[in-house]
């Protein structure tokens, strides 16, 4: 017989795959890290779960190492790998959290999504405001049926521990959203500025989707754009939690991966305003 411990990774991988199928996560919806509590006292345990879904609603996902490229935290100003174990749910758990701004960052392993027709892909294009993709697609001589898109997801979360003091930082993810003010300590009466980056450079004139969750769970969605410096100023309100989302679509050479015509990069940031 095989030791139970040796079977755990395989079992967790199976559970993860089942979650994907049941939840529809294979449709390349938003991925985010949602804390169980956005503000905690020093010394308490910080917990945050992986979610995949739409409209700031979706099931939690267990931690599976082979589905994770990077999983890091900044606690007490020190950056380190998250000590996660296969099967953890919530995926992030930090006991004895030190005072200050706690930052969690995760890069998920790339996955692929198949499209039987162009119509479904066009809805994605329109939703994320990618412009006239079809003309370039046709010029590349690619089919409008039975093609694939690969995608990767990069999520961050901000948790206030005690006074919550501190600043968000750049982790060097391929695409990343960086808060330019601290939602737990700063005056946000004029909004919260965020910087959207791609490949280490500011993303200009990029659509930013803001999901605002009220205390009763109601979610409101608004669209914003980055300026010439890659900054978008987001309206926020006390007592609400937020998911900020920005997506990039890049053409991909199908010769590198048969049938894969595009790669999308999803950046997400979650936080709350006390």
C-alpha atoms as a PDB file:
ATOM      1  CA  UNK A   1       0.000   0.000   0.000  1.00  0.00           C
ATOM      2  CA  UNK A   2       1.094   3.583  -0.645  1.00  0.00           C
ATOM      3  CA  UNK A   3       1.560   5.864   2.365  1.00  0.00           C
ATOM      4  CA  UNK A   4      -1.304   8.331   2.634  1.00  0.00           C
ATOM      5  CA  UNK A   5       1.136  11.245   2.700  1.00  0.00           C
ATOM      6  CA  UNK A   6       2.587  10.247  -0.676  1.00  0.00           C
ATOM      7  CA  UNK A   7      -0.886  10.241  -2.213  1.00  0.00           C
ATOM      8  CA  UNK A   8      -1.823  13.692  -0.906  1.00  0.00           C
ATOM      9  CA  UNK A   9      -0.405  15.737  -3.835  1.00  0.00           C
ATOM     10  CA  UNK A  10      -2.248  13.579  -6.357  1.00  0.00           C
ATOM     11  CA  UNK A  11      -5.471  13.762  -4.371  1.00  0.00           C
ATOM     12  CA  UNK A  12      -5.178  17.548  -4.065  1.00  0.00           C
ATOM     13  CA  UNK A  13      -4.481  17.871  -7.785  1.00  0.00           C
ATOM     14  CA  UNK A  14      -7.627  15.848  -8.472  1.00  0.00           C
ATOM     15  CA  UNK A  15      -9.649  18.018  -6.095  1.00  0.00           C
ATOM     16  CA  UNK A  16      -8.272  21.156  -7.757  1.00  0.00           C
ATOM     17  CA  UNK A  17      -9.226  19.867 -11.209  1.00  0.00           C
ATOM     18  CA  UNK A  18     -12.709  19.043  -9.958  1.00  0.00           C
ATOM     19  CA  UNK A  19     -13.054  22.544  -8.507  1.00  0.00           C
ATOM     20  CA  UNK A  20     -12.078  24.036 -11.872  1.00  0.00           C
ATOM     21  CA  UNK A  21     -14.661  21.989 -13.740  1.00  0.00           C
ATOM     22  CA  UNK A  22     -17.483  22.583 -11.277  1.00  0.00           C
ATOM     23  CA  UNK A  23     -16.835  26.312 -10.848  1.00  0.00           C
ATOM     24  CA  UNK A  24     -16.246  27.100 -14.503  1.00  0.00           C
ATOM     25  CA  UNK A  25     -12.846  28.544 -13.598  1.00  0.00           C
ATOM     26  CA  UNK A  26     -11.525  27.281 -16.917  1.00  0.00           C
ATOM     27  CA  UNK A  27     -13.374  30.215 -18.480  1.00  0.00           C
ATOM     28  CA  UNK A  28     -10.463  32.466 -17.438  1.00  0.00           C
ATOM     29  CA  UNK A  29     -12.475  34.496 -14.941  1.00  0.00           C
ATOM     30  CA  UNK A  30     -10.860  36.750 -12.361  1.00  0.00           C
ATOM     31  CA  UNK A  31      -8.497  35.221  -9.814  1.00  0.00           C
ATOM     32  CA  UNK A  32      -7.998  37.027  -6.526  1.00  0.00           C
ATOM     33  CA  UNK A  33      -6.789  36.597  -2.960  1.00  0.00           C
ATOM     34  CA  UNK A  34      -9.492  37.440  -0.423  1.00  0.00           C
ATOM     35  CA  UNK A  35      -8.595  37.801   3.273  1.00  0.00           C
ATOM     36  CA  UNK A  36     -10.999  36.397   5.836  1.00  0.00           C
ATOM     37  CA  UNK A  37     -10.428  39.685   7.681  1.00  0.00           C
ATOM     38  CA  UNK A  38      -8.810  42.698   6.034  1.00  0.00           C
ATOM     39  CA  UNK A  39      -7.788  44.091   9.419  1.00  0.00           C
ATOM     40  CA  UNK A  40      -6.469  42.066  12.344  1.00  0.00           C
ATOM     41  CA  UNK A  41      -4.619  42.716  15.600  1.00  0.00           C
ATOM     42  CA  UNK A  42      -0.871  42.105  15.858  1.00  0.00           C
ATOM     43  CA  UNK A  43      -0.118  38.505  16.782  1.00  0.00           C
ATOM     44  CA  UNK A  44      -3.337  37.152  15.308  1.00  0.00           C
ATOM     45  CA  UNK A  45      -3.417  34.709  12.406  1.00  0.00           C
ATOM     46  CA  UNK A  46      -3.910  36.244   8.973  1.00  0.00           C
ATOM     47  CA  UNK A  47      -5.850  34.068   6.560  1.00  0.00           C
ATOM     48  CA  UNK A  48      -6.654  34.628   2.898  1.00  0.00           C
ATOM     49  CA  UNK A  49      -8.155  32.320   0.290  1.00  0.00           C
ATOM     50  CA  UNK A  50      -7.680  31.901  -3.444  1.00  0.00           C
ATOM     51  CA  UNK A  51     -10.855  32.660  -5.393  1.00  0.00           C
ATOM     52  CA  UNK A  52     -11.784  32.299  -9.046  1.00  0.00           C
ATOM     53  CA  UNK A  53     -15.047  33.697 -10.340  1.00  0.00           C
ATOM     54  CA  UNK A  54     -16.893  36.724 -11.627  1.00  0.00           C
ATOM     55  CA  UNK A  55     -18.219  39.921 -10.083  1.00  0.00           C
ATOM     56  CA  UNK A  56     -16.082  39.469  -6.936  1.00  0.00           C
ATOM     57  CA  UNK A  57     -17.901  36.188  -6.219  1.00  0.00           C
ATOM     58  CA  UNK A  58     -16.529  32.700  -6.586  1.00  0.00           C
ATOM     59  CA  UNK A  59     -15.453  29.539  -4.762  1.00  0.00           C
ATOM     60  CA  UNK A  60     -12.226  29.111  -2.842  1.00  0.00           C
ATOM     61  CA  UNK A  61      -9.381  26.971  -4.176  1.00  0.00           C
ATOM     62  CA  UNK A  62      -6.893  24.847  -2.297  1.00  0.00           C
ATOM     63  CA  UNK A  63      -3.154  25.421  -2.532  1.00  0.00           C
ATOM     64  CA  UNK A  64      -1.495  23.090  -5.050  1.00  0.00           C
ATOM     65  CA  UNK A  65       2.265  23.657  -5.450  1.00  0.00           C
ATOM     66  CA  UNK A  66       2.413  22.734  -9.136  1.00  0.00           C
ATOM     67  CA  UNK A  67      -0.263  25.343  -9.822  1.00  0.00           C
ATOM     68  CA  UNK A  68       1.831  28.013  -8.119  1.00  0.00           C
ATOM     69  CA  UNK A  69       4.884  29.729  -9.628  1.00  0.00           C
ATOM     70  CA  UNK A  70       5.400  32.315  -6.874  1.00  0.00           C
ATOM     71  CA  UNK A  71       3.751  32.729  -3.496  1.00  0.00           C
ATOM     72  CA  UNK A  72       5.278  35.448  -1.332  1.00  0.00           C
ATOM     73  CA  UNK A  73       4.482  37.755   1.552  1.00  0.00           C
ATOM     74  CA  UNK A  74       5.785  40.967   3.038  1.00  0.00           C
ATOM     75  CA  UNK A  75       5.283  40.940   6.804  1.00  0.00           C
ATOM     76  CA  UNK A  76       6.910  43.447   9.101  1.00  0.00           C
ATOM     77  CA  UNK A  77       8.745  44.830   6.080  1.00  0.00           C
ATOM     78  CA  UNK A  78      10.451  41.491   5.344  1.00  0.00           C
ATOM     79  CA  UNK A  79       9.731  39.662   2.077  1.00  0.00           C
ATOM     80  CA  UNK A  80       9.671  35.851   2.129  1.00  0.00           C
ATOM     81  CA  UNK A  81       8.068  32.809   0.545  1.00  0.00           C
ATOM     82  CA  UNK A  82       4.734  31.783   1.994  1.00  0.00           C
ATOM     83  CA  UNK A  83       5.010  28.578   4.020  1.00  0.00           C
ATOM     84  CA  UNK A  84       2.028  26.908   2.367  1.00  0.00           C
ATOM     85  CA  UNK A  85       1.300  23.183   2.386  1.00  0.00           C
ATOM     86  CA  UNK A  86      -0.429  21.223  -0.344  1.00  0.00           C
ATOM     87  CA  UNK A  87      -4.176  21.228   0.255  1.00  0.00           C
ATOM     88  CA  UNK A  88      -4.252  24.367   2.415  1.00  0.00           C
ATOM     89  CA  UNK A  89      -7.564  26.220   2.291  1.00  0.00           C
ATOM     90  CA  UNK A  90      -7.346  29.097   2.923  1.00  0.00           C
ATOM     91  CA  UNK A  91      -4.134  28.986   0.921  1.00  0.00           C
ATOM     92  CA  UNK A  92      -2.498  31.784   2.924  1.00  0.00           C
ATOM     93  CA  UNK A  93      -2.135  31.444   6.681  1.00  0.00           C
ATOM     94  CA  UNK A  94       0.323  33.439   8.776  1.00  0.00           C
ATOM     95  CA  UNK A  95       0.348  32.975  12.533  1.00  0.00           C
ATOM     96  CA  UNK A  96       1.594  35.782  14.740  1.00  0.00           C
ATOM     97  CA  UNK A  97       1.307  38.458  12.058  1.00  0.00           C
ATOM     98  CA  UNK A  98       3.528  41.464  12.906  1.00  0.00           C
ATOM     99  CA  UNK A  99       2.156  44.998  12.973  1.00  0.00           C
ATOM    100  CA  UNK A 100       2.075  46.919   9.713  1.00  0.00           C
ATOM    101  CA  UNK A 101       0.916  46.423   6.160  1.00  0.00           C
ATOM    102  CA  UNK A 102       0.871  42.733   5.249  1.00  0.00           C
ATOM    103  CA  UNK A 103       1.165  42.084   1.508  1.00  0.00           C
ATOM    104  CA  UNK A 104       0.451  38.741  -0.142  1.00  0.00           C
ATOM    105  CA  UNK A 105       1.417  38.059  -3.767  1.00  0.00           C
ATOM    106  CA  UNK A 106       0.816  35.004  -5.932  1.00  0.00           C
ATOM    107  CA  UNK A 107       1.624  34.006  -9.502  1.00  0.00           C
ATOM    108  CA  UNK A 108      -0.390  31.065 -10.799  1.00  0.00           C
ATOM    109  CA  UNK A 109       0.954  28.618 -13.357  1.00  0.00           C
ATOM    110  CA  UNK A 110      -0.181  29.288 -16.921  1.00  0.00           C
ATOM    111  CA  UNK A 111      -3.187  27.390 -18.238  1.00  0.00           C
ATOM    112  CA  UNK A 112      -4.992  27.194 -21.569  1.00  0.00           C
ATOM    113  CA  UNK A 113      -8.553  27.764 -22.683  1.00  0.00           C
ATOM    114  CA  UNK A 114     -10.137  26.494 -25.905  1.00  0.00           C
ATOM    115  CA  UNK A 115     -12.535  28.482 -28.093  1.00  0.00           C
ATOM    116  CA  UNK A 116     -14.761  26.667 -30.558  1.00  0.00           C
ATOM    117  CA  UNK A 117     -16.034  29.898 -32.137  1.00  0.00           C
ATOM    118  CA  UNK A 118     -14.901  33.517 -32.360  1.00  0.00           C
ATOM    119  CA  UNK A 119     -18.064  34.928 -30.767  1.00  0.00           C
ATOM    120  CA  UNK A 120     -17.126  33.877 -27.257  1.00  0.00           C
ATOM    121  CA  UNK A 121     -13.612  35.284 -27.646  1.00  0.00           C
ATOM    122  CA  UNK A 122     -15.062  38.525 -29.017  1.00  0.00           C
ATOM    123  CA  UNK A 123     -17.159  38.935 -25.865  1.00  0.00           C
ATOM    124  CA  UNK A 124     -13.960  38.644 -23.846  1.00  0.00           C
ATOM    125  CA  UNK A 125     -12.275  41.211 -26.131  1.00  0.00           C
ATOM    126  CA  UNK A 126     -15.166  43.644 -25.737  1.00  0.00           C
ATOM    127  CA  UNK A 127     -15.368  43.178 -21.971  1.00  0.00           C
ATOM    128  CA  UNK A 128     -11.683  43.923 -21.479  1.00  0.00           C
ATOM    129  CA  UNK A 129     -11.576  46.635 -24.170  1.00  0.00           C
ATOM    130  CA  UNK A 130      -8.775  45.159 -26.294  1.00  0.00           C
ATOM    131  CA  UNK A 131      -9.913  46.911 -29.469  1.00  0.00           C
ATOM    132  CA  UNK A 132      -9.916  45.441 -32.982  1.00  0.00           C
ATOM    133  CA  UNK A 133      -8.282  42.072 -32.419  1.00  0.00           C
ATOM    134  CA  UNK A 134     -10.107  40.360 -35.293  1.00  0.00           C
ATOM    135  CA  UNK A 135      -8.375  42.345 -38.054  1.00  0.00           C
ATOM    136  CA  UNK A 136      -4.924  41.431 -36.774  1.00  0.00           C
ATOM    137  CA  UNK A 137      -6.078  37.849 -36.209  1.00  0.00           C
ATOM    138  CA  UNK A 138      -7.234  37.569 -39.815  1.00  0.00           C
ATOM    139  CA  UNK A 139      -4.036  39.183 -41.096  1.00  0.00           C
ATOM    140  CA  UNK A 140      -2.066  36.519 -39.252  1.00  0.00           C
ATOM    141  CA  UNK A 141      -3.956  33.870 -41.192  1.00  0.00           C
ATOM    142  CA  UNK A 142      -5.348  32.266 -38.058  1.00  0.00           C
ATOM    143  CA  UNK A 143      -8.638  30.352 -37.871  1.00  0.00           C
ATOM    144  CA  UNK A 144     -11.653  31.861 -36.126  1.00  0.00           C
ATOM    145  CA  UNK A 145     -12.722  28.441 -34.878  1.00  0.00           C
ATOM    146  CA  UNK A 146     -11.046  25.884 -32.637  1.00  0.00           C
ATOM    147  CA  UNK A 147      -8.148  27.979 -31.367  1.00  0.00           C
ATOM    148  CA  UNK A 148      -6.743  28.398 -27.883  1.00  0.00           C
ATOM    149  CA  UNK A 149      -5.642  31.117 -25.491  1.00  0.00           C
ATOM    150  CA  UNK A 150      -3.138  30.630 -22.691  1.00  0.00           C
ATOM    151  CA  UNK A 151      -3.413  32.774 -19.595  1.00  0.00           C
ATOM    152  CA  UNK A 152      -1.524  33.545 -16.397  1.00  0.00           C
ATOM    153  CA  UNK A 153      -2.753  35.241 -13.249  1.00  0.00           C
ATOM    154  CA  UNK A 154      -1.000  37.550 -10.805  1.00  0.00           C
ATOM    155  CA  UNK A 155      -2.819  38.489  -7.608  1.00  0.00           C
ATOM    156  CA  UNK A 156      -1.984  40.578  -4.558  1.00  0.00           C
ATOM    157  CA  UNK A 157      -3.807  41.372  -1.325  1.00  0.00           C
ATOM    158  CA  UNK A 158      -3.278  44.061   1.310  1.00  0.00           C
ATOM    159  CA  UNK A 159      -4.060  43.308   4.962  1.00  0.00           C
ATOM    160  CA  UNK A 160      -3.829  45.840   7.777  1.00  0.00           C
ATOM    161  CA  UNK A 161      -2.227  44.414  10.921  1.00  0.00           C
ATOM    162  CA  UNK A 162      -2.580  46.703  13.928  1.00  0.00           C
ATOM    163  CA  UNK A 163      -1.941  50.229  12.676  1.00  0.00           C
ATOM    164  CA  UNK A 164      -1.490  48.808   9.144  1.00  0.00           C
ATOM    165  CA  UNK A 165       1.324  51.246   8.410  1.00  0.00           C
ATOM    166  CA  UNK A 166       3.482  50.655   5.369  1.00  0.00           C
ATOM    167  CA  UNK A 167       3.557  50.859   1.585  1.00  0.00           C
ATOM    168  CA  UNK A 168       2.690  48.439  -1.179  1.00  0.00           C
ATOM    169  CA  UNK A 169       5.715  47.373  -3.198  1.00  0.00           C
ATOM    170  CA  UNK A 170       6.661  46.081  -6.632  1.00  0.00           C
ATOM    171  CA  UNK A 171       7.164  42.310  -6.659  1.00  0.00           C
ATOM    172  CA  UNK A 172       8.397  42.166 -10.239  1.00  0.00           C
ATOM    173  CA  UNK A 173       5.472  40.137 -11.547  1.00  0.00           C
ATOM    174  CA  UNK A 174       4.956  40.211 -15.322  1.00  0.00           C
ATOM    175  CA  UNK A 175       1.877  42.321 -14.709  1.00  0.00           C
ATOM    176  CA  UNK A 176       1.076  43.893 -11.391  1.00  0.00           C
ATOM    177  CA  UNK A 177      -1.119  46.459  -9.662  1.00  0.00           C
ATOM    178  CA  UNK A 178       0.585  48.548  -6.980  1.00  0.00           C
ATOM    179  CA  UNK A 179      -1.379  50.724  -4.562  1.00  0.00           C
ATOM    180  CA  UNK A 180       0.117  54.219  -4.428  1.00  0.00           C
ATOM    181  CA  UNK A 181      -1.530  54.957  -1.082  1.00  0.00           C
ATOM    182  CA  UNK A 182      -2.230  52.848   1.988  1.00  0.00           C
ATOM    183  CA  UNK A 183      -5.972  52.078   2.209  1.00  0.00           C
ATOM    184  CA  UNK A 184      -5.725  51.521   5.979  1.00  0.00           C
ATOM    185  CA  UNK A 185      -3.896  54.705   6.971  1.00  0.00           C
ATOM    186  CA  UNK A 186      -4.091  57.356   4.250  1.00  0.00           C
ATOM    187  CA  UNK A 187      -6.687  59.973   3.357  1.00  0.00           C
ATOM    188  CA  UNK A 188      -8.588  58.550   0.380  1.00  0.00           C
ATOM    189  CA  UNK A 189     -11.159  61.327   0.025  1.00  0.00           C
ATOM    190  CA  UNK A 190      -9.799  62.020  -3.461  1.00  0.00           C
ATOM    191  CA  UNK A 191      -9.568  58.339  -4.347  1.00  0.00           C
ATOM    192  CA  UNK A 192      -6.934  55.617  -4.204  1.00  0.00           C
ATOM    193  CA  UNK A 193      -4.303  55.828  -6.959  1.00  0.00           C
ATOM    194  CA  UNK A 194      -2.997  52.527  -8.325  1.00  0.00           C
ATOM    195  CA  UNK A 195      -0.143  51.881 -10.732  1.00  0.00           C
ATOM    196  CA  UNK A 196      -0.625  49.193 -13.386  1.00  0.00           C
ATOM    197  CA  UNK A 197       2.593  47.656 -14.680  1.00  0.00           C
ATOM    198  CA  UNK A 198       3.422  45.240 -17.493  1.00  0.00           C
ATOM    199  CA  UNK A 199       6.875  43.749 -18.015  1.00  0.00           C
ATOM    200  CA  UNK A 200       8.336  46.291 -15.590  1.00  0.00           C
ATOM    201  CA  UNK A 201       6.833  49.337 -17.322  1.00  0.00           C
ATOM    202  CA  UNK A 202       3.706  51.420 -16.587  1.00  0.00           C
ATOM    203  CA  UNK A 203       0.661  50.444 -18.668  1.00  0.00           C
ATOM    204  CA  UNK A 204      -0.806  53.593 -20.187  1.00  0.00           C
ATOM    205  CA  UNK A 205      -4.421  54.020 -21.296  1.00  0.00           C
ATOM    206  CA  UNK A 206      -5.331  50.614 -19.879  1.00  0.00           C
ATOM    207  CA  UNK A 207      -8.787  49.648 -18.694  1.00  0.00           C
ATOM    208  CA  UNK A 208      -9.039  49.019 -14.962  1.00  0.00           C
ATOM    209  CA  UNK A 209     -12.084  47.245 -13.585  1.00  0.00           C
ATOM    210  CA  UNK A 210     -13.074  48.044 -10.009  1.00  0.00           C
ATOM    211  CA  UNK A 211     -15.307  45.670  -8.051  1.00  0.00           C
ATOM    212  CA  UNK A 212     -16.727  47.273  -4.909  1.00  0.00           C
ATOM    213  CA  UNK A 213     -18.302  44.995  -2.302  1.00  0.00           C
ATOM    214  CA  UNK A 214     -20.636  46.652   0.206  1.00  0.00           C
ATOM    215  CA  UNK A 215     -21.098  45.369   3.781  1.00  0.00           C
ATOM    216  CA  UNK A 216     -24.277  43.551   2.667  1.00  0.00           C
ATOM    217  CA  UNK A 217     -22.349  41.721  -0.070  1.00  0.00           C
ATOM    218  CA  UNK A 218     -23.702  43.775  -2.959  1.00  0.00           C
ATOM    219  CA  UNK A 219     -21.076  44.255  -5.680  1.00  0.00           C
ATOM    220  CA  UNK A 220     -20.852  47.329  -7.920  1.00  0.00           C
ATOM    221  CA  UNK A 221     -18.552  47.378 -10.960  1.00  0.00           C
ATOM    222  CA  UNK A 222     -17.047  50.513 -12.508  1.00  0.00           C
ATOM    223  CA  UNK A 223     -14.511  51.001 -15.298  1.00  0.00           C
ATOM    224  CA  UNK A 224     -11.513  53.328 -15.168  1.00  0.00           C
ATOM    225  CA  UNK A 225      -8.401  54.036 -17.251  1.00  0.00           C
ATOM    226  CA  UNK A 226      -4.753  54.605 -16.509  1.00  0.00           C
ATOM    227  CA  UNK A 227      -3.138  57.894 -17.504  1.00  0.00           C
ATOM    228  CA  UNK A 228       0.159  58.487 -19.299  1.00  0.00           C
ATOM    229  CA  UNK A 229       2.005  57.405 -16.145  1.00  0.00           C
ATOM    230  CA  UNK A 230       0.073  54.159 -15.769  1.00  0.00           C
ATOM    231  CA  UNK A 231      -1.932  55.550 -12.832  1.00  0.00           C
ATOM    232  CA  UNK A 232      -5.675  55.169 -12.312  1.00  0.00           C
ATOM    233  CA  UNK A 233      -7.399  56.960  -9.438  1.00  0.00           C
ATOM    234  CA  UNK A 234     -10.179  54.806  -8.010  1.00  0.00           C
ATOM    235  CA  UNK A 235     -13.142  56.100  -5.992  1.00  0.00           C
ATOM    236  CA  UNK A 236     -13.438  54.199  -2.703  1.00  0.00           C
ATOM    237  CA  UNK A 237     -15.695  54.315   0.339  1.00  0.00           C
ATOM    238  CA  UNK A 238     -15.253  53.402   3.981  1.00  0.00           C
ATOM    239  CA  UNK A 239     -16.628  50.032   5.002  1.00  0.00           C
ATOM    240  CA  UNK A 240     -16.246  48.492   1.545  1.00  0.00           C
ATOM    241  CA  UNK A 241     -13.793  45.943   0.161  1.00  0.00           C
ATOM    242  CA  UNK A 242     -12.333  46.081  -3.336  1.00  0.00           C
ATOM    243  CA  UNK A 243     -10.978  43.970  -6.165  1.00  0.00           C
ATOM    244  CA  UNK A 244      -8.994  45.836  -8.816  1.00  0.00           C
ATOM    245  CA  UNK A 245      -8.471  43.997 -12.095  1.00  0.00           C
ATOM    246  CA  UNK A 246      -6.459  44.778 -15.243  1.00  0.00           C
ATOM    247  CA  UNK A 247      -5.963  42.345 -18.134  1.00  0.00           C
ATOM    248  CA  UNK A 248      -3.509  42.345 -21.038  1.00  0.00           C
ATOM    249  CA  UNK A 249      -3.862  40.336 -24.251  1.00  0.00           C
ATOM    250  CA  UNK A 250      -0.764  39.475 -26.279  1.00  0.00           C
ATOM    251  CA  UNK A 251      -0.527  37.649 -29.619  1.00  0.00           C
ATOM    252  CA  UNK A 252       1.336  34.363 -29.493  1.00  0.00           C
ATOM    253  CA  UNK A 253       3.041  32.400 -32.231  1.00  0.00           C
ATOM    254  CA  UNK A 254       1.014  29.176 -32.665  1.00  0.00           C
ATOM    255  CA  UNK A 255       4.249  27.459 -33.705  1.00  0.00           C
ATOM    256  CA  UNK A 256       5.475  27.788 -30.116  1.00  0.00           C
ATOM    257  CA  UNK A 257       2.397  26.025 -28.756  1.00  0.00           C
ATOM    258  CA  UNK A 258       0.142  24.371 -31.367  1.00  0.00           C
ATOM    259  CA  UNK A 259      -3.207  26.091 -31.642  1.00  0.00           C
ATOM    260  CA  UNK A 260      -2.463  28.754 -29.011  1.00  0.00           C
ATOM    261  CA  UNK A 261      -2.987  32.149 -30.648  1.00  0.00           C
ATOM    262  CA  UNK A 262      -2.973  34.472 -27.610  1.00  0.00           C
ATOM    263  CA  UNK A 263      -1.740  34.843 -24.066  1.00  0.00           C
ATOM    264  CA  UNK A 264      -3.613  36.942 -21.510  1.00  0.00           C
ATOM    265  CA  UNK A 265      -2.109  38.269 -18.296  1.00  0.00           C
ATOM    266  CA  UNK A 266      -4.436  39.034 -15.396  1.00  0.00           C
ATOM    267  CA  UNK A 267      -3.442  41.390 -12.572  1.00  0.00           C
ATOM    268  CA  UNK A 268      -5.538  41.698  -9.410  1.00  0.00           C
ATOM    269  CA  UNK A 269      -5.322  43.605  -6.139  1.00  0.00           C
ATOM    270  CA  UNK A 270      -7.648  43.287  -3.147  1.00  0.00           C
ATOM    271  CA  UNK A 271      -7.972  45.518  -0.092  1.00  0.00           C
ATOM    272  CA  UNK A 272     -10.570  47.144   2.140  1.00  0.00           C
ATOM    273  CA  UNK A 273     -11.173  50.687   3.321  1.00  0.00           C
ATOM    274  CA  UNK A 274     -11.980  51.004   7.046  1.00  0.00           C
END
